[in-house]
Amino acid sequence: RLHLTAGATILGSTNRAHYSPGALISAQDAENI
């Protein structure tokens, strides 16, 4: 469980090489998230 407190920001990088796949938060074949 990813929990962001008030005032917390996860900010996307402006470098495409930092993305795989093209998403800020990705999940594949996961459960209970």
PDB file of all heavy atoms in Angstrom:
ATOM      1  N   ARG A   1       0.853  -1.181   0.000  1.00  0.00           N
ATOM      2  CA  ARG A   1       0.000   0.000   0.000  1.00  0.00           C
ATOM      3  C   ARG A   1       0.888   1.230   0.000  1.00  0.00           C
ATOM      4  O   ARG A   1       1.674   1.440   0.921  1.00  0.00           O
ATOM      5  CB  ARG A   1      -0.913  -0.005   1.223  1.00  0.00           C
ATOM      6  CG  ARG A   1      -1.670   1.291   1.468  1.00  0.00           C
ATOM      7  CD  ARG A   1      -2.393   1.221   2.792  1.00  0.00           C
ATOM      8  NE  ARG A   1      -2.850   2.516   3.246  1.00  0.00           N
ATOM      9  CZ  ARG A   1      -3.203   2.798   4.504  1.00  0.00           C
ATOM     10  NH1 ARG A   1      -3.150   1.840   5.428  1.00  0.00           N
ATOM     11  NH2 ARG A   1      -3.605   4.014   4.835  1.00  0.00           N
ATOM     12  N   LEU A   2       0.792   2.034  -1.052  1.00  0.00           N
ATOM     13  CA  LEU A   2       1.558   3.266  -1.170  1.00  0.00           C
ATOM     14  C   LEU A   2       0.695   4.398  -0.602  1.00  0.00           C
ATOM     15  O   LEU A   2      -0.384   4.688  -1.122  1.00  0.00           O
ATOM     16  CB  LEU A   2       1.899   3.535  -2.633  1.00  0.00           C
ATOM     17  CG  LEU A   2       2.750   4.761  -2.941  1.00  0.00           C
ATOM     18  CD1 LEU A   2       4.156   4.599  -2.349  1.00  0.00           C
ATOM     19  CD2 LEU A   2       2.831   4.995  -4.446  1.00  0.00           C
ATOM     20  N   HIS A   3       1.166   5.037   0.469  1.00  0.00           N
ATOM     21  CA  HIS A   3       0.370   6.059   1.153  1.00  0.00           C
ATOM     22  C   HIS A   3       1.051   7.414   1.052  1.00  0.00           C
ATOM     23  O   HIS A   3       2.181   7.586   1.509  1.00  0.00           O
ATOM     24  CB  HIS A   3       0.165   5.692   2.621  1.00  0.00           C
ATOM     25  CG  HIS A   3      -0.735   6.661   3.342  1.00  0.00           C
ATOM     26  ND1 HIS A   3      -2.101   6.558   3.327  1.00  0.00           N
ATOM     27  CD2 HIS A   3      -0.444   7.763   4.088  1.00  0.00           C
ATOM     28  CE1 HIS A   3      -2.634   7.543   4.029  1.00  0.00           C
ATOM     29  NE2 HIS A   3      -1.645   8.287   4.507  1.00  0.00           N
ATOM     30  N   LEU A   4       0.337   8.385   0.469  1.00  0.00           N
ATOM     31  CA  LEU A   4       0.849   9.740   0.308  1.00  0.00           C
ATOM     32  C   LEU A   4       0.182  10.642   1.347  1.00  0.00           C
ATOM     33  O   LEU A   4      -1.035  10.855   1.306  1.00  0.00           O
ATOM     34  CB  LEU A   4       0.551  10.277  -1.084  1.00  0.00           C
ATOM     35  CG  LEU A   4       1.406   9.770  -2.254  1.00  0.00           C
ATOM     36  CD1 LEU A   4       1.120   8.305  -2.553  1.00  0.00           C
ATOM     37  CD2 LEU A   4       1.146  10.612  -3.503  1.00  0.00           C
ATOM     38  N   THR A   5       0.960  11.161   2.274  1.00  0.00           N
ATOM     39  CA  THR A   5       0.394  12.042   3.285  1.00  0.00           C
ATOM     40  C   THR A   5       0.017  13.381   2.650  1.00  0.00           C
ATOM     41  O   THR A   5       0.448  13.722   1.540  1.00  0.00           O
ATOM     42  CB  THR A   5       1.397  12.288   4.414  1.00  0.00           C
ATOM     43  OG1 THR A   5       2.561  12.937   3.872  1.00  0.00           O
ATOM     44  CG2 THR A   5       1.813  10.978   5.061  1.00  0.00           C
ATOM     45  N   ALA A   6      -0.790  14.167   3.352  1.00  0.00           N
ATOM     46  CA  ALA A   6      -1.133  15.507   2.873  1.00  0.00           C
ATOM     47  C   ALA A   6       0.146  16.308   2.675  1.00  0.00           C
ATOM     48  O   ALA A   6       1.030  16.316   3.526  1.00  0.00           O
ATOM     49  CB  ALA A   6      -2.043  16.195   3.876  1.00  0.00           C
ATOM     50  N   GLY A   7       0.262  16.954   1.531  1.00  0.00           N
ATOM     51  CA  GLY A   7       1.473  17.709   1.228  1.00  0.00           C
ATOM     52  C   GLY A   7       2.531  16.915   0.501  1.00  0.00           C
ATOM     53  O   GLY A   7       3.580  17.466   0.159  1.00  0.00           O
ATOM     54  N   ALA A   8       2.279  15.645   0.248  1.00  0.00           N
ATOM     55  CA  ALA A   8       3.228  14.806  -0.500  1.00  0.00           C
ATOM     56  C   ALA A   8       2.833  14.772  -1.970  1.00  0.00           C
ATOM     57  O   ALA A   8       1.668  14.567  -2.297  1.00  0.00           O
ATOM     58  CB  ALA A   8       3.259  13.401   0.065  1.00  0.00           C
ATOM     59  N   THR A   9       3.799  14.964  -2.845  1.00  0.00           N
ATOM     60  CA  THR A   9       3.574  14.898  -4.288  1.00  0.00           C
ATOM     61  C   THR A   9       4.606  13.988  -4.927  1.00  0.00           C
ATOM     62  O   THR A   9       5.813  14.167  -4.712  1.00  0.00           O
ATOM     63  CB  THR A   9       3.666  16.292  -4.933  1.00  0.00           C
ATOM     64  OG1 THR A   9       2.634  17.132  -4.427  1.00  0.00           O
ATOM     65  CG2 THR A   9       3.519  16.192  -6.450  1.00  0.00           C
ATOM     66  N   ILE A  10       4.132  13.007  -5.667  1.00  0.00           N
ATOM     67  CA  ILE A  10       5.018  12.226  -6.531  1.00  0.00           C
ATOM     68  C   ILE A  10       4.939  12.870  -7.906  1.00  0.00           C
ATOM     69  O   ILE A  10       3.879  12.885  -8.541  1.00  0.00           O
ATOM     70  CB  ILE A  10       4.597  10.745  -6.562  1.00  0.00           C
ATOM     71  CG1 ILE A  10       4.875  10.109  -5.195  1.00  0.00           C
ATOM     72  CG2 ILE A  10       5.340  10.000  -7.660  1.00  0.00           C
ATOM     73  CD1 ILE A  10       4.490   8.645  -5.113  1.00  0.00           C
ATOM     74  N   LEU A  11       6.051  13.438  -8.352  1.00  0.00           N
ATOM     75  CA  LEU A  11       6.106  14.264  -9.555  1.00  0.00           C
ATOM     76  C   LEU A  11       6.814  13.521 -10.677  1.00  0.00           C
ATOM     77  O   LEU A  11       7.921  13.017 -10.494  1.00  0.00           O
ATOM     78  CB  LEU A  11       6.834  15.580  -9.253  1.00  0.00           C
ATOM     79  CG  LEU A  11       7.007  16.553 -10.412  1.00  0.00           C
ATOM     80  CD1 LEU A  11       5.659  17.103 -10.857  1.00  0.00           C
ATOM     81  CD2 LEU A  11       7.945  17.693  -9.998  1.00  0.00           C
ATOM     82  N   GLY A  12       6.177  13.489 -11.838  1.00  0.00           N
ATOM     83  CA  GLY A  12       6.763  12.796 -12.969  1.00  0.00           C
ATOM     84  C   GLY A  12       8.038  13.453 -13.468  1.00  0.00           C
ATOM     85  O   GLY A  12       8.135  14.683 -13.583  1.00  0.00           O
ATOM     86  N   SER A  13       9.029  12.641 -13.766  1.00  0.00           N
ATOM     87  CA  SER A  13      10.255  13.120 -14.387  1.00  0.00           C
ATOM     88  C   SER A  13       9.955  13.602 -15.807  1.00  0.00           C
ATOM     89  O   SER A  13       8.986  13.166 -16.435  1.00  0.00           O
ATOM     90  CB  SER A  13      11.281  11.989 -14.420  1.00  0.00           C
ATOM     91  OG  SER A  13      12.355  12.305 -15.292  1.00  0.00           O
ATOM     92  N   THR A  14      10.795  14.490 -16.318  1.00  0.00           N
ATOM     93  CA  THR A  14      10.647  14.947 -17.696  1.00  0.00           C
ATOM     94  C   THR A  14      11.584  14.222 -18.654  1.00  0.00           C
ATOM     95  O   THR A  14      11.785  14.653 -19.783  1.00  0.00           O
ATOM     96  CB  THR A  14      10.891  16.461 -17.785  1.00  0.00           C
ATOM     97  OG1 THR A  14      12.183  16.757 -17.259  1.00  0.00           O
ATOM     98  CG2 THR A  14       9.840  17.227 -17.000  1.00  0.00           C
ATOM     99  N   ASN A  15      12.133  13.106 -18.201  1.00  0.00           N
ATOM    100  CA  ASN A  15      13.015  12.286 -19.037  1.00  0.00           C
ATOM    101  C   ASN A  15      12.282  10.993 -19.378  1.00  0.00           C
ATOM    102  O   ASN A  15      11.976  10.193 -18.495  1.00  0.00           O
ATOM    103  CB  ASN A  15      14.321  11.986 -18.278  1.00  0.00           C
ATOM    104  CG  ASN A  15      15.350  11.292 -19.140  1.00  0.00           C
ATOM    105  OD1 ASN A  15      15.012  10.630 -20.133  1.00  0.00           O
ATOM    106  ND2 ASN A  15      16.617  11.423 -18.768  1.00  0.00           N
ATOM    107  N   ARG A  16      12.003  10.788 -20.653  1.00  0.00           N
ATOM    108  CA  ARG A  16      11.252   9.596 -21.064  1.00  0.00           C
ATOM    109  C   ARG A  16      11.973   8.301 -20.700  1.00  0.00           C
ATOM    110  O   ARG A  16      11.339   7.266 -20.516  1.00  0.00           O
ATOM    111  CB  ARG A  16      10.998   9.633 -22.573  1.00  0.00           C
ATOM    112  CG  ARG A  16      10.135  10.784 -23.029  1.00  0.00           C
ATOM    113  CD  ARG A  16       9.932  10.715 -24.533  1.00  0.00           C
ATOM    114  NE  ARG A  16       9.275  11.924 -25.033  1.00  0.00           N
ATOM    115  CZ  ARG A  16       8.995  12.132 -26.311  1.00  0.00           C
ATOM    116  NH1 ARG A  16       9.333  11.223 -27.210  1.00  0.00           N
ATOM    117  NH2 ARG A  16       8.402  13.244 -26.688  1.00  0.00           N
ATOM    118  N   ALA A  17      13.280   8.346 -20.627  1.00  0.00           N
ATOM    119  CA  ALA A  17      14.040   7.146 -20.298  1.00  0.00           C
ATOM    120  C   ALA A  17      13.743   6.644 -18.892  1.00  0.00           C
ATOM    121  O   ALA A  17      14.067   5.499 -18.554  1.00  0.00           O
ATOM    122  CB  ALA A  17      15.537   7.420 -20.450  1.00  0.00           C
ATOM    123  N   HIS A  18      13.126   7.473 -18.065  1.00  0.00           N
ATOM    124  CA  HIS A  18      12.796   7.063 -16.700  1.00  0.00           C
ATOM    125  C   HIS A  18      11.466   6.315 -16.609  1.00  0.00           C
ATOM    126  O   HIS A  18      11.060   5.931 -15.515  1.00  0.00           O
ATOM    127  CB  HIS A  18      12.740   8.291 -15.781  1.00  0.00           C
ATOM    128  CG  HIS A  18      14.042   9.003 -15.656  1.00  0.00           C
ATOM    129  ND1 HIS A  18      14.139  10.333 -15.317  1.00  0.00           N
ATOM    130  CD2 HIS A  18      15.325   8.562 -15.825  1.00  0.00           C
ATOM    131  CE1 HIS A  18      15.414  10.696 -15.286  1.00  0.00           C
ATOM    132  NE2 HIS A  18      16.152   9.628 -15.589  1.00  0.00           N
ATOM    133  N   TYR A  19      10.808   6.117 -17.764  1.00  0.00           N
ATOM    134  CA  TYR A  19       9.497   5.471 -17.766  1.00  0.00           C
ATOM    135  C   TYR A  19       9.554   4.135 -18.498  1.00  0.00           C
ATOM    136  O   TYR A  19      10.039   4.058 -19.623  1.00  0.00           O
ATOM    137  CB  TYR A  19       8.454   6.356 -18.449  1.00  0.00           C
ATOM    138  CG  TYR A  19       8.173   7.634 -17.715  1.00  0.00           C
ATOM    139  CD1 TYR A  19       8.921   8.784 -17.979  1.00  0.00           C
ATOM    140  CD2 TYR A  19       7.153   7.705 -16.773  1.00  0.00           C
ATOM    141  CE1 TYR A  19       8.663   9.967 -17.313  1.00  0.00           C
ATOM    142  CE2 TYR A  19       6.894   8.893 -16.102  1.00  0.00           C
ATOM    143  CZ  TYR A  19       7.653  10.022 -16.381  1.00  0.00           C
ATOM    144  OH  TYR A  19       7.387  11.191 -15.723  1.00  0.00           O
ATOM    145  N   SER A  20       9.061   3.104 -17.834  1.00  0.00           N
ATOM    146  CA  SER A  20       8.934   1.788 -18.465  1.00  0.00           C
ATOM    147  C   SER A  20       7.896   0.977 -17.680  1.00  0.00           C
ATOM    148  O   SER A  20       8.191   0.483 -16.581  1.00  0.00           O
ATOM    149  CB  SER A  20      10.271   1.046 -18.475  1.00  0.00           C
ATOM    150  OG  SER A  20      10.109  -0.240 -19.043  1.00  0.00           O
ATOM    151  N   PRO A  21       6.692   0.795 -18.172  1.00  0.00           N
ATOM    152  CA  PRO A  21       6.151   1.375 -19.407  1.00  0.00           C
ATOM    153  C   PRO A  21       5.819   2.852 -19.209  1.00  0.00           C
ATOM    154  O   PRO A  21       6.272   3.459 -18.234  1.00  0.00           O
ATOM    155  CB  PRO A  21       4.870   0.562 -19.617  1.00  0.00           C
ATOM    156  CG  PRO A  21       4.438   0.216 -18.223  1.00  0.00           C
ATOM    157  CD  PRO A  21       5.694   0.022 -17.434  1.00  0.00           C
ATOM    158  N   GLY A  22       5.012   3.415 -20.107  1.00  0.00           N
ATOM    159  CA  GLY A  22       4.688   4.833 -20.042  1.00  0.00           C
ATOM    160  C   GLY A  22       3.652   5.138 -18.984  1.00  0.00           C
ATOM    161  O   GLY A  22       2.515   5.482 -19.297  1.00  0.00           O
ATOM    162  N   ALA A  23       4.029   5.037 -17.720  1.00  0.00           N
ATOM    163  CA  ALA A  23       3.111   5.339 -16.624  1.00  0.00           C
ATOM    164  C   ALA A  23       3.918   5.779 -15.411  1.00  0.00           C
ATOM    165  O   ALA A  23       5.047   5.325 -15.198  1.00  0.00           O
ATOM    166  CB  ALA A  23       2.255   4.133 -16.275  1.00  0.00           C
ATOM    167  N   LEU A  24       3.332   6.642 -14.603  1.00  0.00           N
ATOM    168  CA  LEU A  24       3.990   7.062 -13.376  1.00  0.00           C
ATOM    169  C   LEU A  24       3.936   5.938 -12.333  1.00  0.00           C
ATOM    170  O   LEU A  24       4.952   5.617 -11.704  1.00  0.00           O
ATOM    171  CB  LEU A  24       3.318   8.331 -12.841  1.00  0.00           C
ATOM    172  CG  LEU A  24       4.009   9.053 -11.684  1.00  0.00           C
ATOM    173  CD1 LEU A  24       5.425   9.462 -12.064  1.00  0.00           C
ATOM    174  CD2 LEU A  24       3.193  10.274 -11.271  1.00  0.00           C
ATOM    175  N   ILE A  25       2.765   5.337 -12.152  1.00  0.00           N
ATOM    176  CA  ILE A  25       2.610   4.180 -11.266  1.00  0.00           C
ATOM    177  C   ILE A  25       2.120   3.017 -12.104  1.00  0.00           C
ATOM    178  O   ILE A  25       1.076   3.111 -12.764  1.00  0.00           O
ATOM    179  CB  ILE A  25       1.600   4.441 -10.130  1.00  0.00           C
ATOM    180  CG1 ILE A  25       1.966   5.709  -9.359  1.00  0.00           C
ATOM    181  CG2 ILE A  25       1.529   3.237  -9.205  1.00  0.00           C
ATOM    182  CD1 ILE A  25       3.225   5.620  -8.545  1.00  0.00           C
ATOM    183  N   SER A  26       2.846   1.901 -12.079  1.00  0.00           N
ATOM    184  CA  SER A  26       2.489   0.731 -12.866  1.00  0.00           C
ATOM    185  C   SER A  26       2.352  -0.488 -11.960  1.00  0.00           C
ATOM    186  O   SER A  26       3.056  -0.599 -10.951  1.00  0.00           O
ATOM    187  CB  SER A  26       3.566   0.468 -13.930  1.00  0.00           C
ATOM    188  OG  SER A  26       3.305  -0.714 -14.646  1.00  0.00           O
ATOM    189  N   ALA A  27       1.420  -1.363 -12.321  1.00  0.00           N
ATOM    190  CA  ALA A  27       1.302  -2.644 -11.617  1.00  0.00           C
ATOM    191  C   ALA A  27       0.905  -3.706 -12.632  1.00  0.00           C
ATOM    192  O   ALA A  27       0.026  -3.470 -13.472  1.00  0.00           O
ATOM    193  CB  ALA A  27       0.275  -2.570 -10.499  1.00  0.00           C
ATOM    194  N   GLN A  28       1.552  -4.851 -12.551  1.00  0.00           N
ATOM    195  CA  GLN A  28       1.299  -5.949 -13.486  1.00  0.00           C
ATOM    196  C   GLN A  28       1.209  -7.251 -12.703  1.00  0.00           C
ATOM    197  O   GLN A  28       2.114  -7.593 -11.927  1.00  0.00           O
ATOM    198  CB  GLN A  28       2.443  -6.043 -14.503  1.00  0.00           C
ATOM    199  CG  GLN A  28       2.356  -7.198 -15.472  1.00  0.00           C
ATOM    200  CD  GLN A  28       1.515  -6.885 -16.697  1.00  0.00           C
ATOM    201  OE1 GLN A  28       1.385  -5.732 -17.081  1.00  0.00           O
ATOM    202  NE2 GLN A  28       0.942  -7.918 -17.303  1.00  0.00           N
ATOM    203  N   ASP A  29       0.090  -7.969 -12.866  1.00  0.00           N
ATOM    204  CA  ASP A  29      -0.092  -9.279 -12.224  1.00  0.00           C
ATOM    205  C   ASP A  29       0.101  -9.195 -10.703  1.00  0.00           C
ATOM    206  O   ASP A  29       0.656 -10.112 -10.087  1.00  0.00           O
ATOM    207  CB  ASP A  29       0.889 -10.299 -12.810  1.00  0.00           C
ATOM    208  CG  ASP A  29       0.715 -10.469 -14.316  1.00  0.00           C
ATOM    209  OD1 ASP A  29      -0.438 -10.509 -14.776  1.00  0.00           O
ATOM    210  OD2 ASP A  29       1.731 -10.527 -15.026  1.00  0.00           O
ATOM    211  N   ALA A  30      -0.370  -8.118 -10.105  1.00  0.00           N
ATOM    212  CA  ALA A  30      -0.236  -7.938  -8.660  1.00  0.00           C
ATOM    213  C   ALA A  30      -1.583  -8.123  -7.979  1.00  0.00           C
ATOM    214  O   ALA A  30      -2.644  -8.066  -8.613  1.00  0.00           O
ATOM    215  CB  ALA A  30       0.321  -6.553  -8.350  1.00  0.00           C
ATOM    216  N   GLU A  31      -1.556  -8.345  -6.675  1.00  0.00           N
ATOM    217  CA  GLU A  31      -2.794  -8.473  -5.913  1.00  0.00           C
ATOM    218  C   GLU A  31      -2.639  -7.802  -4.556  1.00  0.00           C
ATOM    219  O   GLU A  31      -1.522  -7.626  -4.054  1.00  0.00           O
ATOM    220  CB  GLU A  31      -3.175  -9.946  -5.742  1.00  0.00           C
ATOM    221  CG  GLU A  31      -2.176 -10.780  -4.986  1.00  0.00           C
ATOM    222  CD  GLU A  31      -2.600 -12.238  -4.897  1.00  0.00           C
ATOM    223  OE1 GLU A  31      -3.599 -12.599  -5.534  1.00  0.00           O
ATOM    224  OE2 GLU A  31      -1.926 -12.996  -4.188  1.00  0.00           O
ATOM    225  N   ASN A  32      -3.782  -7.430  -3.993  1.00  0.00           N
ATOM    226  CA  ASN A  32      -3.810  -6.789  -2.673  1.00  0.00           C
ATOM    227  C   ASN A  32      -2.902  -5.563  -2.632  1.00  0.00           C
ATOM    228  O   ASN A  32      -1.983  -5.447  -1.815  1.00  0.00           O
ATOM    229  CB  ASN A  32      -3.397  -7.786  -1.583  1.00  0.00           C
ATOM    230  CG  ASN A  32      -4.280  -9.012  -1.563  1.00  0.00           C
ATOM    231  OD1 ASN A  32      -5.498  -8.924  -1.778  1.00  0.00           O
ATOM    232  ND2 ASN A  32      -3.686 -10.185  -1.344  1.00  0.00           N
ATOM    233  N   ILE A  33      -3.185  -4.625  -3.537  1.00  0.00           N
ATOM    234  CA  ILE A  33      -2.383  -3.404  -3.616  1.00  0.00           C
ATOM    235  C   ILE A  33      -3.298  -2.200  -3.438  1.00  0.00           C
ATOM    236  O   ILE A  33      -4.513  -2.278  -3.670  1.00  0.00           O
ATOM    237  CB  ILE A  33      -1.608  -3.302  -4.948  1.00  0.00           C
ATOM    238  CG1 ILE A  33      -2.570  -3.379  -6.147  1.00  0.00           C
ATOM    239  CG2 ILE A  33      -0.554  -4.379  -5.040  1.00  0.00           C
ATOM    240  CD1 ILE A  33      -1.891  -3.204  -7.493  1.00  0.00           C
TER     241      ILE A  33
END
